[in-house]
Amino acid sequence: MPLGSGILKGLLTVLQVGVRKPATVMYPEQIRDIAYRFRGQVGMRRDELTGGMTCVGCGLCETACPNDVIRVDTSERADGTRKVDRYLFDVGRCVFCYFCIEACPVDALQRTHDFHLVTEDRRGLVITGEKMIEIWEHDLANRAREEQNLGPGVKMADWFERG
């Protein structure tokens, strides 16, 4: 290997990289496509009968969470069933492991592609069950746009809904 060939090879690499089109995206105005397996924020389905939360207040999601992110406060109704008084989810401490989704017996919790978690105050990262429903419904509205990133022969239902 002749003397100085390493420097020439390095210079050639620098020049090749320098003439490439930049991969920078001006984020707030332009949003890049999200991979179909992206682990986004957890959302909650709306109950079709009552219009409220699908959560039955069993507390399995709260138990399954390794970071103690979820808090479910329930009370008992006159007929003996549980009523969810408060459902809190601290997104700032969540590691997006989805153990809560796997533990939910009624499939109330669902995975979404939402990643807009920026806030000026950490208290804004503690969300209620109603906000989780809004996140899920916003994700459902954008599913058609996300299906273009799936790849050949793959259906969206293979990755989101359990059957």
C-alpha atoms as a PDB file:
ATOM      1  CA  MET A   1       0.000   0.000   0.000  1.00  0.00           C
ATOM      2  CA  PRO A   2       1.664   3.249  -1.104  1.00  0.00           C
ATOM      3  CA  LEU A   3       2.349   5.986   1.384  1.00  0.00           C
ATOM      4  CA  GLY A   4      -0.556   8.476   1.686  1.00  0.00           C
ATOM      5  CA  SER A   5      -3.221   6.218   0.128  1.00  0.00           C
ATOM      6  CA  GLY A   6      -5.184   6.217   3.401  1.00  0.00           C
ATOM      7  CA  ILE A   7      -5.392   9.993   3.342  1.00  0.00           C
ATOM      8  CA  LEU A   8      -6.602   9.977  -0.264  1.00  0.00           C
ATOM      9  CA  LYS A   9      -9.174   7.287   0.522  1.00  0.00           C
ATOM     10  CA  GLY A  10     -10.439   9.332   3.486  1.00  0.00           C
ATOM     11  CA  LEU A  11     -10.593  12.500   1.403  1.00  0.00           C
ATOM     12  CA  LEU A  12     -12.594  10.659  -1.273  1.00  0.00           C
ATOM     13  CA  THR A  13     -15.070   9.483   1.373  1.00  0.00           C
ATOM     14  CA  VAL A  14     -15.455  13.023   2.730  1.00  0.00           C
ATOM     15  CA  LEU A  15     -16.131  14.372  -0.759  1.00  0.00           C
ATOM     16  CA  GLN A  16     -18.719  11.654  -1.504  1.00  0.00           C
ATOM     17  CA  VAL A  17     -20.587  12.369   1.724  1.00  0.00           C
ATOM     18  CA  GLY A  18     -20.335  16.116   1.127  1.00  0.00           C
ATOM     19  CA  VAL A  19     -22.207  16.012  -2.188  1.00  0.00           C
ATOM     20  CA  ARG A  20     -25.095  13.876  -0.900  1.00  0.00           C
ATOM     21  CA  LYS A  21     -28.532  15.377  -0.436  1.00  0.00           C
ATOM     22  CA  PRO A  22     -29.032  16.197   3.285  1.00  0.00           C
ATOM     23  CA  ALA A  23     -31.400  13.970   5.268  1.00  0.00           C
ATOM     24  CA  THR A  24     -32.496  16.787   7.554  1.00  0.00           C
ATOM     25  CA  VAL A  25     -36.228  17.370   7.940  1.00  0.00           C
ATOM     26  CA  MET A  26     -37.593  20.643   9.276  1.00  0.00           C
ATOM     27  CA  TYR A  27     -39.610  18.884  11.985  1.00  0.00           C
ATOM     28  CA  PRO A  28     -42.623  20.934  12.959  1.00  0.00           C
ATOM     29  CA  GLU A  29     -43.469  21.710   9.333  1.00  0.00           C
ATOM     30  CA  GLN A  30     -42.504  18.333   7.860  1.00  0.00           C
ATOM     31  CA  ILE A  31     -43.025  15.000   9.590  1.00  0.00           C
ATOM     32  CA  ARG A  32     -41.133  11.905   8.473  1.00  0.00           C
ATOM     33  CA  ASP A  33     -42.951   8.638   7.867  1.00  0.00           C
ATOM     34  CA  ILE A  34     -43.170   6.378  10.886  1.00  0.00           C
ATOM     35  CA  ALA A  35     -42.243   2.705  10.706  1.00  0.00           C
ATOM     36  CA  TYR A  36     -45.216   0.384  11.120  1.00  0.00           C
ATOM     37  CA  ARG A  37     -43.667  -1.276  14.199  1.00  0.00           C
ATOM     38  CA  PHE A  38     -42.991   2.023  15.943  1.00  0.00           C
ATOM     39  CA  ARG A  39     -43.750   1.854  19.674  1.00  0.00           C
ATOM     40  CA  GLY A  40     -45.702   4.996  20.355  1.00  0.00           C
ATOM     41  CA  GLN A  41     -47.859   6.185  23.167  1.00  0.00           C
ATOM     42  CA  VAL A  42     -50.537   3.992  24.738  1.00  0.00           C
ATOM     43  CA  GLY A  43     -54.139   4.890  23.916  1.00  0.00           C
ATOM     44  CA  MET A  44     -57.505   3.685  25.190  1.00  0.00           C
ATOM     45  CA  ARG A  45     -60.497   2.562  23.175  1.00  0.00           C
ATOM     46  CA  ARG A  46     -63.855   4.254  23.711  1.00  0.00           C
ATOM     47  CA  ASP A  47     -66.675   2.009  24.901  1.00  0.00           C
ATOM     48  CA  GLU A  48     -69.232   1.787  22.110  1.00  0.00           C
ATOM     49  CA  LEU A  49     -72.191   1.404  24.466  1.00  0.00           C
ATOM     50  CA  THR A  50     -71.489   4.052  27.099  1.00  0.00           C
ATOM     51  CA  GLY A  51     -69.225   6.403  25.131  1.00  0.00           C
ATOM     52  CA  GLY A  52     -66.784   6.460  28.063  1.00  0.00           C
ATOM     53  CA  MET A  53     -63.702   4.452  28.911  1.00  0.00           C
ATOM     54  CA  THR A  54     -63.572   0.759  28.084  1.00  0.00           C
ATOM     55  CA  CYS A  55     -61.568   0.153  31.276  1.00  0.00           C
ATOM     56  CA  VAL A  56     -63.383  -2.030  33.822  1.00  0.00           C
ATOM     57  CA  GLY A  57     -61.064  -1.086  36.700  1.00  0.00           C
ATOM     58  CA  CYS A  58     -59.516  -4.507  37.295  1.00  0.00           C
ATOM     59  CA  GLY A  59     -56.062  -3.015  37.937  1.00  0.00           C
ATOM     60  CA  LEU A  60     -54.119  -5.627  35.977  1.00  0.00           C
ATOM     61  CA  CYS A  61     -52.411  -2.941  33.892  1.00  0.00           C
ATOM     62  CA  GLU A  62     -51.369  -1.172  37.079  1.00  0.00           C
ATOM     63  CA  THR A  63     -49.894  -4.412  38.429  1.00  0.00           C
ATOM     64  CA  ALA A  64     -48.125  -5.330  35.177  1.00  0.00           C
ATOM     65  CA  CYS A  65     -46.386  -1.969  34.770  1.00  0.00           C
ATOM     66  CA  PRO A  66     -42.719  -2.209  35.840  1.00  0.00           C
ATOM     67  CA  ASN A  67     -42.371   1.564  36.419  1.00  0.00           C
ATOM     68  CA  ASP A  68     -45.577   2.193  38.371  1.00  0.00           C
ATOM     69  CA  VAL A  69     -46.826   4.500  35.627  1.00  0.00           C
ATOM     70  CA  ILE A  70     -50.545   3.696  35.822  1.00  0.00           C
ATOM     71  CA  ARG A  71     -52.957   4.536  38.618  1.00  0.00           C
ATOM     72  CA  VAL A  72     -56.528   3.251  38.579  1.00  0.00           C
ATOM     73  CA  ASP A  73     -58.900   4.439  41.315  1.00  0.00           C
ATOM     74  CA  THR A  74     -62.207   2.579  41.487  1.00  0.00           C
ATOM     75  CA  SER A  75     -65.303   2.538  43.625  1.00  0.00           C
ATOM     76  CA  GLU A  76     -68.141   0.061  43.957  1.00  0.00           C
ATOM     77  CA  ARG A  77     -71.556   0.765  42.497  1.00  0.00           C
ATOM     78  CA  ALA A  78     -74.833  -0.173  44.182  1.00  0.00           C
ATOM     79  CA  ASP A  79     -75.136  -3.282  41.992  1.00  0.00           C
ATOM     80  CA  GLY A  80     -71.667  -4.516  43.073  1.00  0.00           C
ATOM     81  CA  THR A  81     -69.750  -3.699  39.889  1.00  0.00           C
ATOM     82  CA  ARG A  82     -66.633  -1.528  39.785  1.00  0.00           C
ATOM     83  CA  LYS A  83     -66.655   2.025  38.481  1.00  0.00           C
ATOM     84  CA  VAL A  84     -63.438   3.755  37.379  1.00  0.00           C
ATOM     85  CA  ASP A  85     -63.247   7.073  39.218  1.00  0.00           C
ATOM     86  CA  ARG A  86     -59.823   8.103  37.971  1.00  0.00           C
ATOM     87  CA  TYR A  87     -57.367   6.673  35.447  1.00  0.00           C
ATOM     88  CA  LEU A  88     -53.942   8.330  35.341  1.00  0.00           C
ATOM     89  CA  PHE A  89     -51.049   7.450  33.038  1.00  0.00           C
ATOM     90  CA  ASP A  90     -47.617   9.092  33.518  1.00  0.00           C
ATOM     91  CA  VAL A  91     -46.135   9.125  30.005  1.00  0.00           C
ATOM     92  CA  GLY A  92     -42.923  10.736  31.280  1.00  0.00           C
ATOM     93  CA  ARG A  93     -42.025   7.578  33.210  1.00  0.00           C
ATOM     94  CA  CYS A  94     -43.338   5.060  30.672  1.00  0.00           C
ATOM     95  CA  VAL A  95     -40.764   2.857  28.887  1.00  0.00           C
ATOM     96  CA  PHE A  96     -43.305   1.729  26.255  1.00  0.00           C
ATOM     97  CA  CYS A  97     -42.885  -1.958  27.078  1.00  0.00           C
ATOM     98  CA  TYR A  98     -46.624  -2.529  26.481  1.00  0.00           C
ATOM     99  CA  PHE A  99     -46.966  -4.958  29.413  1.00  0.00           C
ATOM    100  CA  CYS A 100     -50.101  -3.017  30.357  1.00  0.00           C
ATOM    101  CA  ILE A 101     -51.611  -3.717  26.931  1.00  0.00           C
ATOM    102  CA  GLU A 102     -50.861  -7.424  27.208  1.00  0.00           C
ATOM    103  CA  ALA A 103     -52.369  -7.570  30.712  1.00  0.00           C
ATOM    104  CA  CYS A 104     -55.648  -5.819  29.850  1.00  0.00           C
ATOM    105  CA  PRO A 105     -58.453  -8.437  29.729  1.00  0.00           C
ATOM    106  CA  VAL A 106     -60.895  -6.228  27.788  1.00  0.00           C
ATOM    107  CA  ASP A 107     -58.377  -4.787  25.277  1.00  0.00           C
ATOM    108  CA  ALA A 108     -59.066  -1.270  26.511  1.00  0.00           C
ATOM    109  CA  LEU A 109     -55.430  -0.221  26.089  1.00  0.00           C
ATOM    110  CA  GLN A 110     -54.040  -0.112  22.559  1.00  0.00           C
ATOM    111  CA  ARG A 111     -50.729   0.886  20.983  1.00  0.00           C
ATOM    112  CA  THR A 112     -50.566   3.986  18.825  1.00  0.00           C
ATOM    113  CA  HIS A 113     -48.035   5.804  16.669  1.00  0.00           C
ATOM    114  CA  ASP A 114     -48.311   9.022  18.660  1.00  0.00           C
ATOM    115  CA  PHE A 115     -44.897  10.415  19.579  1.00  0.00           C
ATOM    116  CA  HIS A 116     -45.639  14.099  20.190  1.00  0.00           C
ATOM    117  CA  LEU A 117     -44.794  14.155  23.890  1.00  0.00           C
ATOM    118  CA  VAL A 118     -43.179  17.588  24.123  1.00  0.00           C
ATOM    119  CA  THR A 119     -44.331  19.747  27.012  1.00  0.00           C
ATOM    120  CA  GLU A 120     -42.936  22.632  29.021  1.00  0.00           C
ATOM    121  CA  ASP A 121     -43.926  21.058  32.330  1.00  0.00           C
ATOM    122  CA  ARG A 122     -43.618  17.418  33.417  1.00  0.00           C
ATOM    123  CA  ARG A 123     -47.085  17.578  34.932  1.00  0.00           C
ATOM    124  CA  GLY A 124     -48.412  17.763  31.363  1.00  0.00           C
ATOM    125  CA  LEU A 125     -47.162  14.215  30.818  1.00  0.00           C
ATOM    126  CA  VAL A 126     -49.623  12.785  33.347  1.00  0.00           C
ATOM    127  CA  ILE A 127     -52.711  12.114  31.237  1.00  0.00           C
ATOM    128  CA  THR A 128     -56.207  10.936  32.089  1.00  0.00           C
ATOM    129  CA  GLY A 129     -58.260   8.174  30.546  1.00  0.00           C
ATOM    130  CA  GLU A 130     -60.181  10.710  28.438  1.00  0.00           C
ATOM    131  CA  LYS A 131     -56.945  12.060  26.967  1.00  0.00           C
ATOM    132  CA  MET A 132     -55.890   8.468  26.175  1.00  0.00           C
ATOM    133  CA  ILE A 133     -59.175   8.027  24.294  1.00  0.00           C
ATOM    134  CA  GLU A 134     -58.419  11.169  22.278  1.00  0.00           C
ATOM    135  CA  ILE A 135     -54.940   9.817  21.445  1.00  0.00           C
ATOM    136  CA  TRP A 136     -56.431   6.506  20.245  1.00  0.00           C
ATOM    137  CA  GLU A 137     -59.083   8.205  18.109  1.00  0.00           C
ATOM    138  CA  HIS A 138     -56.496  10.539  16.560  1.00  0.00           C
ATOM    139  CA  ASP A 139     -54.374   7.492  15.718  1.00  0.00           C
ATOM    140  CA  LEU A 140     -57.368   5.729  14.131  1.00  0.00           C
ATOM    141  CA  ALA A 141     -58.005   8.769  11.944  1.00  0.00           C
ATOM    142  CA  ASN A 142     -54.436   8.567  10.590  1.00  0.00           C
ATOM    143  CA  ARG A 143     -54.309   4.791   9.992  1.00  0.00           C
ATOM    144  CA  ALA A 144     -54.893   5.050   6.228  1.00  0.00           C
ATOM    145  CA  ARG A 145     -51.835   7.283   5.867  1.00  0.00           C
ATOM    146  CA  GLU A 146     -49.723   4.902   7.962  1.00  0.00           C
ATOM    147  CA  GLU A 147     -50.685   1.829   5.929  1.00  0.00           C
ATOM    148  CA  GLN A 148     -48.440   3.004   3.095  1.00  0.00           C
ATOM    149  CA  ASN A 149     -45.386   2.161   5.277  1.00  0.00           C
ATOM    150  CA  LEU A 150     -46.340  -1.453   5.945  1.00  0.00           C
ATOM    151  CA  GLY A 151     -44.710  -3.326   3.101  1.00  0.00           C
ATOM    152  CA  PRO A 152     -46.053  -5.939   0.704  1.00  0.00           C
ATOM    153  CA  GLY A 153     -48.574  -8.481   1.990  1.00  0.00           C
ATOM    154  CA  VAL A 154     -48.863  -7.082   5.523  1.00  0.00           C
ATOM    155  CA  LYS A 155     -52.132  -5.847   6.996  1.00  0.00           C
ATOM    156  CA  MET A 156     -52.434  -3.170   9.663  1.00  0.00           C
ATOM    157  CA  ALA A 157     -54.522  -5.514  11.810  1.00  0.00           C
ATOM    158  CA  ASP A 158     -51.526  -7.847  12.088  1.00  0.00           C
ATOM    159  CA  TRP A 159     -49.709  -5.226  14.181  1.00  0.00           C
ATOM    160  CA  PHE A 160     -52.395  -3.390  16.156  1.00  0.00           C
ATOM    161  CA  GLU A 161     -55.465  -5.403  16.996  1.00  0.00           C
ATOM    162  CA  ARG A 162     -55.291  -8.712  18.762  1.00  0.00           C
ATOM    163  CA  GLY A 163     -57.707 -11.243  17.450  1.00  0.00           C
END
